[in-house]
């Protein structure tokens, strides 16, 4: 098969006093993600999409949330490890498209830096990485500012 598509989805609860890492960027906000790692929900969804495209399981299979090794780990490290698995299978990224659902904070000013950071980790052009942000119009857990969700889709091609 020359092309593979993968879809990923991740959710993290948010709380006062936690840090908010999204797409490899520290976002200034009064709330952050509650997680075993740094809680970067964008990178976690992208990791799941990359793994799913090649039927390699999910992020929890490779980096269990009960492992001391991954406690507070920088998710950019996890993204690099996942992409190494993809390359070992003989595939490379064509493009990644992701959507963050969060009521607050407003994320548009941070998106170019997210795309840049993830492109650097993956060794691809920034044009291959798309991050979008939306609110849920104050509906659901995102709208009540209880959590953040991200969906991601990747297209891989045989190297």
Protein backbone atom coordinates (compact mmCIF):
# COMPACT_ATOMS: atom_id res chain seq x y z
CA UNK A 1 0.00 0.00 0.00
CA UNK A 2 1.50 3.35 -1.04
CA UNK A 3 -0.66 5.68 1.10
CA UNK A 4 -2.07 5.31 4.62
CA UNK A 5 -4.48 7.58 6.52
CA UNK A 6 -4.67 7.71 10.31
CA UNK A 7 -7.09 9.45 12.63
CA UNK A 8 -6.38 10.42 16.24
CA UNK A 9 -8.39 11.94 19.07
CA UNK A 10 -7.38 12.94 22.58
CA UNK A 11 -8.94 14.69 25.55
CA UNK A 12 -7.48 16.07 28.74
CA UNK A 13 -9.17 17.58 31.74
CA UNK A 14 -7.96 21.09 32.62
CA UNK A 15 -7.51 22.58 36.08
CA UNK A 16 -6.12 25.61 37.86
CA UNK A 17 -2.42 25.49 38.66
CA UNK A 18 -1.44 23.16 35.79
CA UNK A 19 0.60 24.09 32.71
CA UNK A 20 -0.94 24.20 29.25
CA UNK A 21 1.24 22.69 26.52
CA UNK A 22 -0.33 22.57 23.07
CA UNK A 23 1.54 21.56 19.93
CA UNK A 24 4.86 21.80 21.76
CA UNK A 25 4.20 25.39 22.90
CA UNK A 26 3.66 26.56 26.48
CA UNK A 27 0.45 28.61 26.41
CA UNK A 28 -0.03 31.23 29.13
CA UNK A 29 -3.36 30.48 30.85
CA UNK A 30 -4.76 30.11 34.36
CA UNK A 31 -5.61 26.46 33.65
CA UNK A 32 -3.60 23.60 32.22
CA UNK A 33 -3.98 19.94 31.39
CA UNK A 34 -4.10 17.25 34.05
CA UNK A 35 -1.98 14.36 32.79
CA UNK A 36 0.78 11.85 33.48
CA UNK A 37 3.01 13.44 30.81
CA UNK A 38 3.06 17.15 30.00
CA UNK A 39 -0.52 16.66 28.75
CA UNK A 40 0.01 18.04 25.24
CA UNK A 41 -3.31 16.95 23.82
CA UNK A 42 -2.40 18.13 20.29
CA UNK A 43 0.71 16.00 20.08
CA UNK A 44 -1.07 13.04 21.68
CA UNK A 45 -3.83 13.11 19.04
CA UNK A 46 -1.22 13.36 16.27
CA UNK A 47 0.74 10.44 17.76
CA UNK A 48 -2.43 8.33 17.75
CA UNK A 49 -3.12 9.28 14.13
CA UNK A 50 0.42 8.33 13.08
CA UNK A 51 0.26 5.03 14.96
CA UNK A 52 -3.24 4.25 13.67
CA UNK A 53 -2.26 4.82 10.05
CA UNK A 54 0.11 1.85 10.27
CA UNK A 55 -1.89 -0.28 12.72
CA UNK A 56 0.73 0.19 15.45
CA UNK A 57 -1.70 0.54 18.35
CA UNK A 58 -2.15 3.75 20.28
CA UNK A 59 -0.09 6.13 22.38
CA UNK A 60 -1.06 4.37 25.62
CA UNK A 61 0.29 1.07 24.29
CA UNK A 62 3.71 2.58 23.60
CA UNK A 63 3.86 5.07 26.50
CA UNK A 64 1.65 3.82 29.37
CA UNK A 65 0.31 6.45 31.75
CA UNK A 66 1.34 4.35 34.75
CA UNK A 67 5.02 4.17 33.77
CA UNK A 68 7.50 6.25 35.80
CA UNK A 69 9.60 6.55 32.63
CA UNK A 70 6.96 8.80 31.04
CA UNK A 71 5.97 10.86 34.11
CA UNK A 72 6.00 14.57 33.10
CA UNK A 73 7.75 13.73 29.81
CA UNK A 74 7.86 16.36 27.09
CA UNK A 75 5.39 15.14 24.47
CA UNK A 76 7.69 16.32 21.69
CA UNK A 77 9.94 13.42 22.71
CA UNK A 78 7.00 11.03 22.32
CA UNK A 79 6.21 12.51 18.90
CA UNK A 80 9.79 11.92 17.77
CA UNK A 81 9.69 8.32 18.99
CA UNK A 82 6.38 7.68 17.22
CA UNK A 83 7.67 9.14 13.97
CA UNK A 84 10.74 6.92 14.20
CA UNK A 85 8.35 3.92 14.27
CA UNK A 86 6.62 5.29 11.17
CA UNK A 87 9.93 5.71 9.34
CA UNK A 88 11.04 2.20 10.38
CA UNK A 89 7.95 0.90 8.56
CA UNK A 90 9.07 2.76 5.43
CA UNK A 91 6.60 5.65 5.50
CA UNK A 92 6.85 9.43 5.65
CA UNK A 93 4.41 12.25 6.37
CA UNK A 94 2.55 13.88 3.50
CA UNK A 95 0.50 16.12 5.79
CA UNK A 96 -1.11 16.41 9.22
CA UNK A 97 -4.34 18.28 9.94
CA UNK A 98 -5.53 18.87 13.51
CA UNK A 99 -8.31 20.77 15.26
CA UNK A 100 -8.22 21.92 18.89
CA UNK A 101 -11.57 22.39 20.66
CA UNK A 102 -11.22 24.76 23.62
CA UNK A 103 -13.34 27.64 24.86
CA UNK A 104 -10.37 29.48 26.36
CA UNK A 105 -7.70 30.65 25.84
CA UNK A 106 -7.83 32.06 22.34
CA UNK A 107 -5.21 30.04 20.45
CA UNK A 108 -4.89 31.72 17.05
CA UNK A 109 -1.73 33.71 18.01
CA UNK A 110 0.05 30.48 19.04
CA UNK A 111 -0.77 28.32 16.02
CA UNK A 112 2.21 29.31 13.81
CA UNK A 113 4.63 28.43 16.63
CA UNK A 114 2.85 25.07 17.21
CA UNK A 115 3.17 24.21 13.53
CA UNK A 116 6.83 25.25 13.53
CA UNK A 117 7.74 23.24 16.67
CA UNK A 118 6.07 20.06 15.46
CA UNK A 119 7.57 20.42 11.96
CA UNK A 120 11.02 20.70 13.57
CA UNK A 121 10.49 17.56 15.66
CA UNK A 122 9.25 15.63 12.62
CA UNK A 123 11.81 17.02 10.18
CA UNK A 124 9.15 18.13 7.72
CA UNK A 125 8.24 21.47 6.18
CA UNK A 126 5.85 23.65 8.17
CA UNK A 127 3.50 23.52 5.17
CA UNK A 128 2.90 19.83 6.03
CA UNK A 129 1.43 20.66 9.47
CA UNK A 130 -1.96 22.32 9.95
CA UNK A 131 -3.36 23.30 13.34
CA UNK A 132 -6.78 24.90 13.69
CA UNK A 133 -8.65 25.98 16.81
CA UNK A 134 -12.34 26.31 17.52
CA UNK A 135 -14.64 26.84 20.46
CA UNK A 136 -17.75 24.80 21.11
CA UNK A 137 -19.86 27.94 21.64
CA UNK A 138 -19.87 27.24 25.40
CA UNK A 139 -21.41 23.78 24.85
CA UNK A 140 -20.09 20.53 26.35
CA UNK A 141 -17.05 20.00 28.56
CA UNK A 142 -14.86 22.17 26.33
CA UNK A 143 -17.40 25.00 26.47
CA UNK A 144 -17.59 24.75 30.27
CA UNK A 145 -13.77 24.92 30.32
CA UNK A 146 -13.46 21.50 31.95
CA UNK A 147 -11.25 20.04 29.24
CA UNK A 148 -9.67 20.33 25.81
CA UNK A 149 -10.06 17.89 22.92
CA UNK A 150 -8.13 17.51 19.69
CA UNK A 151 -8.80 15.54 16.54
CA UNK A 152 -6.05 14.85 14.01
CA UNK A 153 -5.72 13.21 10.62
CA UNK A 154 -2.47 12.20 8.92
CA UNK A 155 -1.61 11.05 5.43
CA UNK A 156 1.48 8.90 5.06
CA UNK A 157 3.17 7.70 1.89
CA UNK A 158 5.58 4.87 1.29
CA UNK A 159 9.14 6.26 1.22
